[in-house]
Amino acid sequence: MPSYDSTRGRFRLGENHLAVLRHRIDGEEVPAELAEADRELLETCLTDQDGNLNLLLAPLVSTLRSPSVVLHVEALGEHGTLHHGVTIGDGYVYSHESWPGSVESEYVRLEPAMLVWALARMVNLQGEETVEVATPVIETTMAVLDAGLDTLDSLPGLTAEEGIARITEALKDAGLTRKSQLSTLAKLIAGMRSSWRMTAAWQGHDEGTPARQVRGFAVWDCGPLGYWHRELPTEPVLPGQVDGTTPLKLVRVDAKEVWQLITDLLPAAEEFAARPQAG
């Protein structure tokens, strides 16, 4: 069910609820497949009998309808893929975070100064101590990585050492031969806590011509083994762009460097398309 928390100004809404709100704002009839979501919004007083939106929703809806910058976080962990993000509008900034097993996300208004902090929290950025590894850089191919990942379903029931040995053998069979990289990558795959990628999209310009701009980066969170910036393949990765021969490059970074990567993701003022001058 959708809901509103007045103490923190936050909403819980699913994609179906947002779809209903878009129809309502545009003065359109709500399709039959969204009738249940429409009823839920009414029952929680986020809309009225005539379909008018609660005024509390106005800043959120206006921000989602006309964003200046959209930041998206795709995080893959034990419970599957979760989608979080931040939408920056004209005067308002809202974050949204999903929860495993829930179709609804939590939408919260942010102070602009808290933007980087909010994004860092979405990916559980921690300055915890890490252990030494055999090499801080791994360079191989996506085929090698896929071979290592393919072993994960066969690891339950094995000891940690047996699991790493099995991954190591798969990586070796796929063509990774350098001992330091072989050892480190096997441990990273076995100990990966999550992997995530963060992208920013905005209406910018290409040599003065208005054009949509997108940039991003990807990180592996391997717990005690640290954070690893996936430099290759570079983000954003488009469908069909990566195959087994695509180079893979992982570079160990600390929490401060990840914080800087998040900061650098945000577009500077000069990167936006110039607004038309009033006549």
Protein backbone atom coordinates (compact mmCIF):
# COMPACT_ATOMS: atom_id res chain seq x y z
CA MET A 1 0.00 0.00 0.00
CA PRO A 2 1.19 3.53 -0.70
CA SER A 3 1.70 5.67 2.39
CA TYR A 4 2.96 9.01 3.69
CA ASP A 5 5.06 9.70 6.78
CA SER A 6 4.46 13.26 7.95
CA THR A 7 7.33 13.15 10.45
CA ARG A 8 9.92 12.82 7.69
CA GLY A 9 8.00 13.96 4.63
CA ARG A 10 8.48 10.62 2.89
CA PHE A 11 6.25 8.57 0.60
CA ARG A 12 6.09 4.87 -0.27
CA LEU A 13 5.01 4.47 -3.87
CA GLY A 14 5.23 1.76 -6.52
CA GLU A 15 5.63 2.23 -10.26
CA ASN A 16 1.91 1.54 -10.67
CA HIS A 17 1.06 4.38 -8.27
CA LEU A 18 3.31 6.76 -10.18
CA ALA A 19 1.63 5.70 -13.42
CA VAL A 20 -1.77 6.57 -11.94
CA LEU A 21 -0.48 9.98 -10.84
CA ARG A 22 0.81 10.69 -14.37
CA HIS A 23 -2.61 9.91 -15.82
CA ARG A 24 -4.31 12.09 -13.21
CA ILE A 25 -1.99 15.04 -13.82
CA ASP A 26 -2.55 14.79 -17.58
CA GLY A 27 -6.32 14.65 -17.10
CA GLU A 28 -6.52 11.17 -18.60
CA GLU A 29 -8.70 8.27 -17.60
CA VAL A 30 -6.88 5.70 -15.48
CA PRO A 31 -6.59 2.38 -17.39
CA ALA A 32 -8.37 -0.66 -15.97
CA GLU A 33 -5.08 -2.42 -15.19
CA LEU A 34 -4.22 0.42 -12.78
CA ALA A 35 -7.59 0.40 -10.99
CA GLU A 36 -6.17 -1.29 -7.88
CA ALA A 37 -3.34 1.24 -7.59
CA ASP A 38 -5.86 4.05 -8.12
CA ARG A 39 -8.00 2.68 -5.28
CA GLU A 40 -4.99 2.42 -2.97
CA LEU A 41 -4.06 6.07 -3.54
CA LEU A 42 -7.63 7.08 -2.72
CA GLU A 43 -7.74 4.95 0.45
CA THR A 44 -4.55 6.54 1.75
CA CYS A 45 -5.86 10.06 0.95
CA LEU A 46 -3.10 10.76 -1.57
CA THR A 47 -5.88 11.44 -4.08
CA ASP A 48 -9.53 12.38 -3.57
CA GLN A 49 -12.78 11.08 -5.06
CA ASP A 50 -12.36 13.37 -8.06
CA GLY A 51 -8.81 12.17 -8.70
CA ASN A 52 -7.16 15.36 -7.47
CA LEU A 53 -3.72 14.91 -5.93
CA ASN A 54 -3.00 15.68 -2.31
CA LEU A 55 -1.03 18.93 -2.19
CA LEU A 56 1.72 17.11 -0.29
CA LEU A 57 2.50 15.23 -3.50
CA ALA A 58 2.91 18.34 -5.64
CA PRO A 59 6.70 18.88 -5.16
CA LEU A 60 7.46 15.20 -5.75
CA VAL A 61 5.28 14.91 -8.84
CA SER A 62 6.62 18.13 -10.37
CA THR A 63 10.20 16.94 -9.80
CA LEU A 64 9.60 13.53 -11.38
CA ARG A 65 7.79 15.06 -14.37
CA SER A 66 10.45 17.67 -15.20
CA PRO A 67 13.84 16.53 -13.94
CA SER A 68 17.05 18.46 -14.56
CA VAL A 69 19.29 15.54 -13.54
CA VAL A 70 18.43 11.89 -12.96
CA LEU A 71 20.86 9.74 -10.99
CA HIS A 72 20.31 5.99 -11.04
CA VAL A 73 21.86 3.31 -8.85
CA GLU A 74 21.58 -0.34 -9.90
CA ALA A 75 22.80 -2.55 -7.06
CA LEU A 76 23.16 -6.33 -7.30
CA GLY A 77 23.42 -8.30 -4.08
CA GLU A 78 22.25 -11.43 -2.31
CA HIS A 79 18.57 -10.59 -2.85
CA GLY A 80 18.82 -9.68 -6.52
CA THR A 81 18.90 -6.31 -8.21
CA LEU A 82 17.62 -3.16 -6.50
CA HIS A 83 17.09 0.24 -8.08
CA HIS A 84 17.67 3.48 -6.21
CA GLY A 85 18.34 7.02 -7.29
CA VAL A 86 17.94 10.76 -7.02
CA THR A 87 15.90 13.15 -9.16
CA ILE A 88 16.87 16.80 -9.23
CA GLY A 89 14.16 19.20 -10.37
CA ASP A 90 13.55 22.91 -10.41
CA GLY A 91 13.73 23.74 -6.70
CA TYR A 92 13.42 20.22 -5.28
CA VAL A 93 15.58 17.11 -4.92
CA TYR A 94 14.10 13.69 -4.14
CA SER A 95 15.78 10.38 -3.47
CA HIS A 96 14.12 7.02 -3.94
CA GLU A 97 15.21 3.68 -2.51
CA SER A 98 13.78 0.22 -3.08
CA TRP A 99 13.63 -2.74 -0.70
CA PRO A 100 14.11 -6.47 -1.43
CA GLY A 101 10.78 -8.14 -2.10
CA SER A 102 8.79 -4.88 -2.16
CA VAL A 103 7.23 -3.30 -5.22
CA GLU A 104 7.27 0.11 -3.57
CA SER A 105 10.11 2.57 -3.13
CA GLU A 106 10.61 5.23 -0.49
CA TYR A 107 10.71 8.80 -1.80
CA VAL A 108 12.30 11.43 0.43
CA ARG A 109 12.99 15.10 -0.17
CA LEU A 110 16.69 15.99 0.16
CA GLU A 111 18.61 19.11 0.87
CA PRO A 112 20.93 19.63 -2.14
CA ALA A 113 23.95 19.77 0.19
CA MET A 114 23.16 16.19 1.27
CA LEU A 115 23.09 14.80 -2.28
CA VAL A 116 26.47 13.04 -2.33
CA TRP A 117 25.95 11.75 1.20
CA ALA A 118 22.59 10.25 0.18
CA LEU A 119 24.09 8.51 -2.86
CA ALA A 120 26.96 7.16 -0.74
CA ARG A 121 24.47 5.75 1.76
CA MET A 122 22.52 4.02 -1.02
CA VAL A 123 25.59 1.93 -1.85
CA ASN A 124 26.57 1.42 1.81
CA LEU A 125 29.88 3.26 1.43
CA GLN A 126 31.96 2.46 4.50
CA GLY A 127 35.45 3.47 5.56
CA GLU A 128 36.20 0.10 7.11
CA GLU A 129 39.67 -1.45 7.33
CA THR A 130 40.70 -3.79 4.55
CA VAL A 131 43.15 -6.65 4.13
CA GLU A 132 46.12 -6.88 1.79
CA VAL A 133 45.70 -8.43 -1.65
CA ALA A 134 48.25 -9.84 -4.07
CA THR A 135 47.64 -7.11 -6.66
CA PRO A 136 45.62 -3.85 -6.70
CA VAL A 137 44.89 -4.11 -10.44
CA ILE A 138 43.28 -6.94 -12.40
CA GLU A 139 43.24 -6.96 -16.21
CA THR A 140 41.57 -9.80 -18.08
CA THR A 141 38.43 -10.36 -20.19
CA MET A 142 34.73 -10.67 -19.49
CA ALA A 143 34.90 -14.33 -20.54
CA VAL A 144 37.25 -15.03 -17.64
CA LEU A 145 34.96 -13.21 -15.24
CA ASP A 146 31.93 -15.11 -16.52
CA ALA A 147 33.76 -18.40 -15.98
CA GLY A 148 34.39 -17.46 -12.35
CA LEU A 149 30.82 -16.29 -11.76
CA ASP A 150 29.45 -19.49 -13.29
CA THR A 151 30.95 -21.47 -10.40
CA LEU A 152 29.02 -19.63 -7.69
CA ASP A 153 25.98 -21.91 -7.80
CA SER A 154 28.22 -24.89 -7.04
CA LEU A 155 29.88 -23.39 -3.94
CA PRO A 156 27.25 -24.00 -1.22
CA GLY A 157 28.46 -26.82 1.02
CA LEU A 158 32.12 -26.16 0.30
CA THR A 159 34.56 -24.58 2.74
CA ALA A 160 35.85 -21.10 1.92
CA GLU A 161 39.17 -22.56 0.79
CA GLU A 162 37.46 -25.16 -1.41
CA GLY A 163 35.25 -22.50 -2.97
CA ILE A 164 38.19 -20.25 -3.81
CA ALA A 165 40.07 -23.23 -5.25
CA ARG A 166 37.12 -24.07 -7.53
CA ILE A 167 36.83 -20.47 -8.73
CA THR A 168 40.58 -20.32 -9.28
CA GLU A 169 40.48 -23.43 -11.46
CA ALA A 170 37.65 -21.99 -13.57
CA LEU A 171 39.52 -18.72 -14.06
CA LYS A 172 42.68 -20.59 -15.06
CA ASP A 173 40.79 -22.76 -17.53
CA ALA A 174 39.32 -19.58 -19.08
CA GLY A 175 42.77 -18.13 -19.69
CA LEU A 176 43.84 -16.13 -16.64
CA THR A 177 47.40 -17.22 -15.86
CA ARG A 178 49.14 -14.50 -13.83
CA LYS A 179 49.33 -15.92 -10.32
CA SER A 180 48.71 -12.66 -8.40
CA GLN A 181 45.68 -11.74 -10.51
CA LEU A 182 44.35 -15.30 -10.41
CA SER A 183 44.49 -15.40 -6.61
CA THR A 184 43.00 -11.93 -6.14
CA LEU A 185 40.15 -12.27 -8.62
CA ALA A 186 39.12 -15.64 -7.17
CA LYS A 187 38.95 -14.11 -3.70
CA LEU A 188 37.01 -11.09 -4.97
CA ILE A 189 34.39 -13.26 -6.67
CA ALA A 190 34.02 -15.44 -3.58
CA GLY A 191 33.86 -12.48 -1.19
CA MET A 192 31.83 -9.98 -3.21
CA ARG A 193 29.22 -8.32 -1.01
CA SER A 194 27.57 -6.42 -3.85
CA SER A 195 28.27 -4.78 -7.17
CA TRP A 196 26.68 -1.57 -8.31
CA ARG A 197 26.76 1.02 -10.99
CA MET A 198 25.76 4.64 -10.76
CA THR A 199 24.81 6.84 -13.72
CA ALA A 200 23.83 10.46 -14.20
CA ALA A 201 21.74 11.78 -17.10
CA TRP A 202 20.91 15.38 -17.95
CA GLN A 203 20.14 17.66 -20.89
CA GLY A 204 23.55 18.95 -21.83
CA HIS A 205 25.22 19.91 -25.08
CA ASP A 206 27.58 18.49 -27.68
CA GLU A 207 29.77 21.27 -29.05
CA GLY A 208 27.00 23.77 -28.41
CA THR A 209 24.15 21.63 -29.73
CA PRO A 210 21.64 20.48 -27.06
CA ALA A 211 22.11 16.75 -26.46
CA ARG A 212 21.33 14.28 -23.71
CA GLN A 213 24.45 13.46 -21.71
CA VAL A 214 25.08 10.33 -19.64
CA ARG A 215 28.06 9.20 -17.60
CA GLY A 216 28.62 6.65 -14.90
CA PHE A 217 30.92 4.25 -13.12
CA ALA A 218 30.76 0.81 -11.56
CA VAL A 219 32.16 -0.60 -8.31
CA TRP A 220 32.52 -4.00 -6.64
CA ASP A 221 32.07 -3.97 -2.87
CA CYS A 222 34.10 -6.91 -1.62
CA GLY A 223 33.90 -6.22 2.11
CA PRO A 224 37.28 -6.76 3.83
CA LEU A 225 38.91 -7.03 0.38
CA GLY A 226 37.90 -3.44 -0.32
CA TYR A 227 36.25 -1.51 -3.13
CA TRP A 228 37.19 -2.15 -6.76
CA HIS A 229 36.46 0.39 -9.50
CA ARG A 230 35.55 -1.35 -12.73
CA GLU A 231 37.38 0.89 -15.17
CA LEU A 232 36.69 -1.42 -18.13
CA PRO A 233 34.19 -1.87 -19.60
CA THR A 234 33.41 1.78 -19.00
CA GLU A 235 29.95 2.93 -18.01
CA PRO A 236 27.40 3.41 -19.31
CA VAL A 237 27.36 -0.07 -20.85
CA LEU A 238 24.69 -0.43 -23.51
CA PRO A 239 22.85 -3.69 -24.30
CA GLY A 240 24.89 -5.85 -26.66
CA GLN A 241 28.01 -3.77 -26.14
CA VAL A 242 29.87 -6.37 -24.06
CA ASP A 243 30.91 -9.89 -25.06
CA GLY A 244 33.47 -12.43 -23.90
CA THR A 245 36.36 -10.63 -25.58
CA THR A 246 35.62 -7.28 -23.90
CA PRO A 247 38.51 -6.19 -21.65
CA LEU A 248 37.87 -6.19 -17.89
CA LYS A 249 39.90 -3.92 -15.65
CA LEU A 250 39.40 -3.68 -11.89
CA VAL A 251 41.35 -1.20 -9.77
CA ARG A 252 41.30 -1.19 -5.98
CA VAL A 253 40.13 2.12 -4.50
CA ASP A 254 39.41 3.31 -0.99
CA ALA A 255 36.19 4.84 0.35
CA LYS A 256 37.46 8.40 -0.20
CA GLU A 257 38.10 7.65 -3.85
CA VAL A 258 34.61 6.20 -4.27
CA TRP A 259 33.21 9.36 -2.64
CA GLN A 260 35.12 11.41 -5.21
CA LEU A 261 33.80 9.26 -8.06
CA ILE A 262 30.26 10.00 -6.85
CA THR A 263 31.03 13.72 -6.59
CA ASP A 264 32.55 13.82 -10.09
CA LEU A 265 29.44 12.15 -11.51
CA LEU A 266 27.36 15.27 -10.93
CA PRO A 267 27.30 17.67 -13.91
CA ALA A 268 28.82 21.13 -13.49
CA ALA A 269 26.84 24.24 -14.42
CA GLU A 270 28.61 24.64 -17.75
CA GLU A 271 27.66 21.11 -18.80
CA PHE A 272 23.95 21.94 -19.05
CA ALA A 273 22.31 23.09 -22.26
CA ALA A 274 21.79 26.83 -22.34
CA ARG A 275 18.22 27.86 -21.61
CA PRO A 276 16.45 29.87 -24.30
CA GLN A 277 16.46 33.58 -23.61
CA ALA A 278 13.08 35.18 -22.95
CA GLY A 279 11.91 37.39 -25.78
